[in-house]
Amino acid sequence: MSVPKTVLREAITESGIGLPIGHSVVATDRRGFGVRAWILTTVLFLVPLVTYWPATFHDYGLRDDYSNLREAHEEPGTVVKFCASHARPIYGWLLQSTYGQADSVQDLQWMRLFASLLLGAISLVMFRGLRSLGWSFNTSLCFAVLLALVPSAQVIAGWAVGWPYAATALLAIAGFFTVEGALAVGLRAGAGRAVGQWVLALGLMVVSALIYQPSALFYVVLWRPP
């Protein structure tokens, strides 16, 4: 009596002889998902890089760029004190650190490049966060891409002094989704792990507010009434 091929394949799989068909399919799916994730990440970072490339590497500086560049070298601490007087001490420290490393106006291009990379990171975090909230793939992707191309993002990418604005928005977005994660964890596994996430979210919001308060309000953009 002959044994049906389907029964034979199932017996081989369950006994561990040869390569399990189910495992090979899962491994293939995982590899495919990993490739798609890398492609998506690359695209989200390339959009602001390619869009703002001409301005990023153009030889220019704006008014605050020149004053910050001079003060960072000739009057260390002045930028920090001025920003601290506006309740933005971390912002002043970031400007002092970056402008202190720039020797000329030509070096401002690296700060603008960093701003474009931060905009790409914002797009990536926003896309993944919206997907975790149940948004569709297409809607999440369009929103994430447009976020790096709105007029405010164009200012951030074109003005060397504005790169901390992008860092602030990134921290605010991370704080929002950390709170979302804390709420989900609290409902599933109790308050132990959720407390740590609440503390982390609070820390992110405090740091973002000490950099640049208007960008820290990006948290409100994502907030949904109950």
Protein backbone atom coordinates (compact mmCIF):
# COMPACT_ATOMS: atom_id res chain seq x y z
CA MET A 1 0.00 0.00 0.00
CA SER A 2 1.43 3.39 -0.99
CA VAL A 3 1.65 6.28 1.48
CA PRO A 4 0.19 9.63 0.33
CA LYS A 5 2.86 12.27 -0.30
CA THR A 6 1.23 14.79 2.03
CA VAL A 7 1.28 12.31 4.92
CA LEU A 8 4.91 11.46 4.17
CA ARG A 9 5.95 15.13 4.18
CA GLU A 10 4.20 15.74 7.50
CA ALA A 11 5.88 12.70 9.02
CA ILE A 12 9.31 13.85 7.85
CA THR A 13 8.70 17.35 9.23
CA GLU A 14 7.51 16.13 12.62
CA SER A 15 10.38 13.66 12.94
CA GLY A 16 12.98 16.31 12.24
CA ILE A 17 14.42 14.52 9.19
CA GLY A 18 15.60 16.93 6.50
CA LEU A 19 14.66 20.64 6.39
CA PRO A 20 11.28 21.43 7.97
CA ILE A 21 9.13 23.07 5.35
CA GLY A 22 7.32 25.35 7.82
CA HIS A 23 10.58 26.61 9.32
CA SER A 24 12.04 27.44 5.92
CA VAL A 25 8.96 29.47 5.01
CA VAL A 26 9.12 31.40 8.28
CA ALA A 27 12.83 32.10 7.79
CA THR A 28 12.16 33.33 4.26
CA ASP A 29 9.37 35.61 5.50
CA ARG A 30 11.62 37.05 8.18
CA ARG A 31 14.40 37.74 5.70
CA GLY A 32 11.91 39.41 3.36
CA PHE A 33 10.53 41.54 6.20
CA GLY A 34 14.05 42.57 7.20
CA VAL A 35 14.89 43.65 3.65
CA ARG A 36 11.68 45.68 3.37
CA ALA A 37 12.35 47.34 6.71
CA TRP A 38 15.85 48.37 5.62
CA ILE A 39 14.54 49.70 2.30
CA LEU A 40 11.85 51.72 4.07
CA THR A 41 14.36 53.12 6.57
CA THR A 42 16.70 54.12 3.74
CA VAL A 43 13.91 55.85 1.85
CA LEU A 44 12.76 57.83 4.88
CA PHE A 45 16.30 59.08 5.50
CA LEU A 46 17.01 59.77 1.83
CA VAL A 47 13.94 61.97 1.29
CA PRO A 48 15.20 64.90 3.43
CA LEU A 49 18.82 64.31 2.45
CA VAL A 50 18.12 64.49 -1.27
CA THR A 51 15.56 67.29 -0.96
CA TYR A 52 17.79 69.61 1.05
CA TRP A 53 21.12 68.58 -0.46
CA PRO A 54 21.61 71.80 -2.53
CA ALA A 55 21.01 74.02 0.50
CA THR A 56 22.95 71.78 2.87
CA PHE A 57 26.24 72.08 1.00
CA HIS A 58 25.81 75.63 -0.28
CA ASP A 59 28.39 78.05 1.14
CA TYR A 60 26.35 80.46 3.27
CA GLY A 61 25.36 81.43 6.77
CA LEU A 62 22.47 83.38 8.26
CA ARG A 63 22.57 86.20 10.80
CA ASP A 64 22.49 84.06 13.95
CA ASP A 65 25.01 81.67 12.45
CA TYR A 66 27.64 84.42 12.23
CA SER A 67 27.01 85.76 15.73
CA ASN A 68 26.97 82.30 17.32
CA LEU A 69 30.13 81.34 15.48
CA ARG A 70 31.97 84.41 16.77
CA GLU A 71 30.71 84.13 20.35
CA ALA A 72 31.41 80.41 20.58
CA HIS A 73 35.10 81.09 19.82
CA GLU A 74 35.69 84.55 21.27
CA GLU A 75 33.22 84.64 24.18
CA PRO A 76 32.68 81.07 25.40
CA GLY A 77 29.59 80.77 27.58
CA THR A 78 27.80 83.80 26.14
CA VAL A 79 25.51 81.68 23.98
CA VAL A 80 24.69 79.40 26.91
CA LYS A 81 23.85 82.34 29.19
CA PHE A 82 21.68 83.99 26.56
CA CYS A 83 19.69 80.83 25.86
CA ALA A 84 19.42 80.04 29.58
CA SER A 85 17.80 83.45 30.08
CA HIS A 86 15.04 82.14 27.78
CA ALA A 87 14.73 78.88 29.79
CA ARG A 88 16.67 76.97 27.12
CA PRO A 89 19.98 76.04 28.77
CA ILE A 90 20.44 72.77 26.90
CA TYR A 91 19.83 74.58 23.63
CA GLY A 92 22.61 77.01 24.48
CA TRP A 93 24.96 74.19 25.41
CA LEU A 94 24.26 72.41 22.12
CA LEU A 95 24.92 75.58 20.13
CA GLN A 96 28.10 76.30 22.06
CA SER A 97 29.36 72.75 21.47
CA THR A 98 28.62 72.62 17.75
CA TYR A 99 29.60 76.16 16.81
CA GLY A 100 32.73 75.76 18.90
CA GLN A 101 33.75 72.89 16.61
CA ALA A 102 33.14 74.94 13.45
CA ASP A 103 36.18 76.88 12.28
CA SER A 104 34.49 78.78 9.44
CA VAL A 105 31.20 79.38 7.68
CA GLN A 106 31.94 76.42 5.40
CA ASP A 107 31.74 74.07 8.41
CA LEU A 108 28.10 75.02 8.98
CA GLN A 109 27.20 72.53 6.26
CA TRP A 110 27.78 69.66 8.67
CA MET A 111 25.24 71.08 11.09
CA ARG A 112 22.70 71.39 8.29
CA LEU A 113 23.49 67.81 7.24
CA PHE A 114 22.88 66.63 10.81
CA ALA A 115 19.54 68.46 10.78
CA SER A 116 18.51 66.56 7.63
CA LEU A 117 19.46 63.27 9.27
CA LEU A 118 17.38 64.18 12.32
CA LEU A 119 14.43 64.91 10.05
CA GLY A 120 14.86 61.44 8.59
CA ALA A 121 14.89 59.97 12.09
CA ILE A 122 11.69 61.88 12.91
CA SER A 123 10.03 60.40 9.81
CA LEU A 124 11.11 56.89 10.77
CA VAL A 125 9.97 57.14 14.39
CA MET A 126 6.69 58.72 13.32
CA PHE A 127 6.01 56.00 10.75
CA ARG A 128 6.63 53.18 13.19
CA GLY A 129 4.65 54.91 15.91
CA LEU A 130 1.63 55.49 13.70
CA ARG A 131 1.73 51.89 12.53
CA SER A 132 1.72 50.74 16.14
CA LEU A 133 -1.38 52.87 16.70
CA GLY A 134 -3.19 51.06 13.91
CA TRP A 135 -2.75 53.49 11.02
CA SER A 136 -2.56 51.99 7.56
CA PHE A 137 0.81 51.58 5.85
CA ASN A 138 0.11 54.14 3.11
CA THR A 139 -1.29 56.79 5.45
CA SER A 140 1.58 56.38 7.91
CA LEU A 141 4.16 56.57 5.14
CA CYS A 142 2.64 59.68 3.54
CA PHE A 143 2.39 61.45 6.88
CA ALA A 144 5.98 60.55 7.80
CA VAL A 145 7.38 61.75 4.47
CA LEU A 146 5.39 64.99 4.48
CA LEU A 147 6.57 65.68 8.02
CA ALA A 148 10.12 66.08 6.71
CA LEU A 149 9.01 68.40 3.90
CA VAL A 150 6.72 70.93 5.61
CA PRO A 151 7.86 74.60 5.72
CA SER A 152 9.07 74.35 9.32
CA ALA A 153 11.26 71.39 8.36
CA GLN A 154 12.68 73.42 5.48
CA VAL A 155 13.74 76.11 7.95
CA ILE A 156 15.37 73.53 10.21
CA ALA A 157 17.30 71.99 7.31
CA GLY A 158 18.39 75.32 5.87
CA TRP A 159 19.51 77.07 9.05
CA ALA A 160 22.46 75.64 10.95
CA VAL A 161 21.22 77.09 14.22
CA GLY A 162 17.98 75.15 13.85
CA TRP A 163 19.23 71.58 14.14
CA PRO A 164 18.36 71.40 17.88
CA TYR A 165 14.75 72.13 16.90
CA ALA A 166 14.66 68.78 15.10
CA ALA A 167 16.27 67.05 18.08
CA THR A 168 13.58 68.55 20.33
CA ALA A 169 10.76 67.35 18.10
CA LEU A 170 12.30 63.87 17.99
CA LEU A 171 12.42 63.73 21.79
CA ALA A 172 8.81 64.92 22.03
CA ILE A 173 7.64 62.27 19.58
CA ALA A 174 9.59 59.61 21.46
CA GLY A 175 8.00 60.81 24.69
CA PHE A 176 4.51 60.50 23.23
CA PHE A 177 4.98 56.95 22.02
CA THR A 178 6.70 56.01 25.28
CA VAL A 179 3.54 57.10 27.11
CA GLU A 180 1.44 55.09 24.66
CA GLY A 181 3.62 52.07 25.43
CA ALA A 182 3.30 52.67 29.18
CA LEU A 183 -0.48 52.72 28.92
CA ALA A 184 -0.49 49.49 26.92
CA VAL A 185 1.92 47.75 29.30
CA GLY A 186 -0.05 48.93 32.32
CA LEU A 187 -3.21 47.37 30.97
CA ARG A 188 -1.52 44.05 30.17
CA ALA A 189 1.11 43.43 32.82
CA GLY A 190 0.44 45.72 35.76
CA ALA A 191 2.13 48.94 36.83
CA GLY A 192 5.71 47.74 37.43
CA ARG A 193 7.16 48.22 33.96
CA ALA A 194 4.76 51.03 33.13
CA VAL A 195 6.20 53.24 35.89
CA GLY A 196 9.64 53.07 34.29
CA GLN A 197 8.22 54.08 30.94
CA TRP A 198 6.32 56.98 32.50
CA VAL A 199 9.54 58.21 34.13
CA LEU A 200 11.38 57.89 30.80
CA ALA A 201 8.63 59.81 28.99
CA LEU A 202 8.73 62.57 31.60
CA GLY A 203 12.51 62.80 31.27
CA LEU A 204 12.25 63.10 27.49
CA MET A 205 9.70 65.89 27.77
CA VAL A 206 11.73 67.79 30.35
CA VAL A 207 14.87 67.63 28.22
CA SER A 208 12.97 68.66 25.09
CA ALA A 209 11.42 71.63 26.95
CA LEU A 210 14.87 72.76 28.11
CA ILE A 211 16.07 72.73 24.49
CA TYR A 212 13.29 74.53 22.63
CA GLN A 213 9.77 74.79 24.04
CA PRO A 214 7.87 75.38 20.75
CA SER A 215 9.26 72.16 19.25
CA ALA A 216 8.52 70.29 22.48
CA LEU A 217 4.83 71.07 21.88
CA PHE A 218 4.97 68.63 18.99
CA TYR A 219 3.75 66.17 21.61
CA VAL A 220 0.34 67.88 21.43
CA VAL A 221 0.10 67.26 17.68
CA LEU A 222 -0.11 63.52 18.33
CA TRP A 223 -2.37 63.77 21.36
CA ARG A 224 -5.85 62.37 20.97
CA PRO A 225 -8.73 63.20 23.33
CA PRO A 226 -10.17 60.17 25.16
